[in-house]
Amino acid sequence: MAEVMFYHLEHQELEDVLPVLLEKTLARGWKAVVELPDAARLETLDRHLWVFREDSFLPHASEREDSGEQQPVWLTTGRTNPNGAAVRFLAGGAEPEAVADYARVILLFSSDDEAAIARARQHWKPLKAAGHDCTYWQQTLAGGWTKKA
């Protein structure tokens, strides 16, 4: 079963949080897939990951330009996993499917989006009932995370 982590963004935007989580994922030697629901959001994130911090390089590619097999981080609007990632990040309302295919699935949702909060709540029970290890993480004022459930 997968470890499913619900990250409730309360004080920062996805573009601030996701690069840090991706760096931690890569530091563990894992590959990642980031799924977003639409091409516009994917393109924005793609550009941001190249420049989010001056002293950092976050290697990645997206379905727009590459086949993905060699990429440590793959950005997609679909269900693909061409790089054999162990971690799948779901943002912007992307739905958790094939969760058992990953070691870890991370759902990121913002306090500014009531629909996203409602979707996260709807996903919790069935994922937990399926035997996945579900945890809920709430963002602190300093940008860290506190495990709440």
Protein backbone atom coordinates (compact mmCIF):
# COMPACT_ATOMS: atom_id res chain seq x y z
CA MET A 1 0.00 0.00 0.00
CA ALA A 2 1.05 3.56 -0.64
CA GLU A 3 1.74 6.33 1.80
CA VAL A 4 -0.78 9.06 0.92
CA MET A 5 0.02 12.51 2.25
CA PHE A 6 -2.51 15.35 2.21
CA TYR A 7 -0.70 18.72 2.26
CA HIS A 8 -2.96 21.65 3.16
CA LEU A 9 -1.34 24.85 1.86
CA GLU A 10 -2.43 27.69 4.11
CA HIS A 11 0.35 30.28 3.93
CA GLN A 12 2.16 29.67 0.64
CA GLU A 13 1.30 28.94 -2.95
CA LEU A 14 1.94 25.67 -4.76
CA GLU A 15 4.84 27.28 -6.63
CA ASP A 16 6.55 28.02 -3.29
CA VAL A 17 5.95 24.60 -1.73
CA LEU A 18 6.31 22.10 -4.56
CA PRO A 19 9.94 22.82 -5.51
CA VAL A 20 11.07 22.22 -1.93
CA LEU A 21 9.14 18.94 -1.74
CA LEU A 22 10.58 17.87 -5.10
CA GLU A 23 14.12 18.61 -3.88
CA LYS A 24 13.51 16.43 -0.82
CA THR A 25 12.13 13.67 -3.03
CA LEU A 26 15.17 13.73 -5.32
CA ALA A 27 17.53 13.84 -2.31
CA ARG A 28 16.06 10.47 -1.27
CA GLY A 29 16.94 9.06 -4.67
CA TRP A 30 13.31 8.90 -5.81
CA LYS A 31 11.88 10.06 -9.11
CA ALA A 32 8.65 12.05 -9.17
CA VAL A 33 5.66 12.71 -11.39
CA VAL A 34 3.71 15.93 -10.93
CA GLU A 35 0.16 15.84 -12.27
CA LEU A 36 -1.79 19.01 -12.94
CA PRO A 37 -5.28 19.19 -14.44
CA ASP A 38 -4.55 21.58 -17.31
CA ALA A 39 -1.82 22.53 -19.77
CA ALA A 40 -1.73 26.21 -18.77
CA ARG A 41 -0.96 25.38 -15.15
CA LEU A 42 1.63 22.82 -16.27
CA GLU A 43 3.39 25.39 -18.44
CA THR A 44 3.45 27.94 -15.60
CA LEU A 45 4.92 25.40 -13.20
CA ASP A 46 7.41 24.18 -15.80
CA ARG A 47 8.81 27.72 -16.22
CA HIS A 48 8.82 28.31 -12.47
CA LEU A 49 10.83 25.17 -11.63
CA TRP A 50 13.77 26.50 -13.68
CA VAL A 51 13.97 29.80 -11.79
CA PHE A 52 12.36 29.29 -8.38
CA ARG A 53 15.68 29.86 -6.60
CA GLU A 54 18.99 31.21 -7.92
CA ASP A 55 21.16 28.61 -6.19
CA SER A 56 19.12 25.59 -7.21
CA PHE A 57 18.67 23.44 -10.28
CA LEU A 58 15.67 21.17 -10.40
CA PRO A 59 15.98 18.90 -13.45
CA HIS A 60 12.63 18.14 -15.04
CA ALA A 61 10.71 17.91 -18.28
CA SER A 62 7.11 17.80 -19.35
CA GLU A 63 4.88 16.00 -21.79
CA ARG A 64 5.17 19.02 -24.09
CA GLU A 65 8.83 18.44 -24.92
CA ASP A 66 10.14 15.04 -23.95
CA SER A 67 9.32 11.38 -23.63
CA GLY A 68 10.23 11.34 -19.94
CA GLU A 69 12.12 8.08 -19.44
CA GLN A 70 15.33 9.79 -18.32
CA GLN A 71 13.77 12.58 -16.27
CA PRO A 72 13.96 12.71 -12.46
CA VAL A 73 10.82 14.90 -12.40
CA TRP A 74 8.06 14.55 -14.98
CA LEU A 75 5.24 17.10 -15.38
CA THR A 76 2.01 15.86 -16.92
CA THR A 77 -1.68 16.54 -17.30
CA GLY A 78 -2.36 12.82 -17.64
CA ARG A 79 -1.88 9.57 -15.77
CA THR A 80 1.50 8.76 -17.32
CA ASN A 81 4.58 7.68 -15.40
CA PRO A 82 7.27 7.30 -18.08
CA ASN A 83 10.17 7.76 -15.65
CA GLY A 84 9.04 4.99 -13.30
CA ALA A 85 8.51 7.46 -10.46
CA ALA A 86 7.92 6.21 -6.92
CA VAL A 87 6.27 9.49 -5.88
CA ARG A 88 3.28 11.17 -7.50
CA PHE A 89 2.32 14.75 -6.66
CA LEU A 90 -1.28 15.76 -7.41
CA ALA A 91 -2.11 19.46 -7.54
CA GLY A 92 -4.80 21.77 -8.82
CA GLY A 93 -7.54 19.19 -8.42
CA ALA A 94 -5.79 16.24 -10.09
CA GLU A 95 -7.51 13.06 -8.93
CA PRO A 96 -5.75 10.18 -7.15
CA GLU A 97 -5.89 7.09 -9.33
CA ALA A 98 -3.67 4.00 -9.34
CA VAL A 99 -2.40 5.05 -5.92
CA ALA A 100 -1.07 1.55 -5.21
CA ASP A 101 1.39 1.96 -8.11
CA TYR A 102 3.45 4.40 -6.02
CA ALA A 103 5.36 4.33 -2.76
CA ARG A 104 4.02 7.80 -1.96
CA VAL A 105 1.23 10.00 -3.32
CA ILE A 106 1.06 13.63 -2.24
CA LEU A 107 -2.13 15.64 -2.67
CA LEU A 108 -1.55 19.39 -2.44
CA PHE A 109 -4.53 21.67 -1.93
CA SER A 110 -4.97 25.30 -0.96
CA SER A 111 -7.07 26.95 1.73
CA ASP A 112 -8.14 29.41 -0.96
CA ASP A 113 -9.96 26.67 -2.87
CA GLU A 114 -13.02 25.32 -1.05
CA ALA A 115 -13.69 22.80 -3.82
CA ALA A 116 -10.16 21.40 -3.45
CA ILE A 117 -10.61 21.05 0.30
CA ALA A 118 -13.91 19.23 -0.24
CA ARG A 119 -12.27 16.89 -2.81
CA ALA A 120 -9.44 16.11 -0.39
CA ARG A 121 -11.96 15.22 2.30
CA GLN A 122 -13.82 12.98 -0.16
CA HIS A 123 -10.61 11.12 -1.05
CA TRP A 124 -9.52 10.48 2.55
CA LYS A 125 -12.06 7.78 3.52
CA PRO A 126 -11.81 5.53 0.45
CA LEU A 127 -8.01 5.74 0.40
CA LYS A 128 -7.83 4.89 4.10
CA ALA A 129 -10.37 2.06 3.65
CA ALA A 130 -8.26 0.66 0.81
CA GLY A 131 -5.40 0.23 3.29
CA HIS A 132 -3.23 3.18 2.33
CA ASP A 133 -1.30 4.96 5.08
CA CYS A 134 -2.99 8.39 4.99
CA THR A 135 -1.62 11.42 6.82
CA TYR A 136 -2.77 15.04 6.89
CA TRP A 137 -0.19 17.83 7.05
CA GLN A 138 -1.12 21.42 7.87
CA GLN A 139 1.18 24.28 6.93
CA THR A 140 2.57 26.45 9.73
CA LEU A 141 3.03 30.22 9.56
CA ALA A 142 6.78 29.68 9.06
CA GLY A 143 6.12 27.45 6.04
CA GLY A 144 6.85 24.17 7.79
CA TRP A 145 4.44 21.29 8.27
CA THR A 146 2.62 19.86 11.27
CA LYS A 147 1.16 16.36 11.12
CA LYS A 148 -2.47 16.63 12.23
CA ALA A 149 -3.80 13.17 11.38
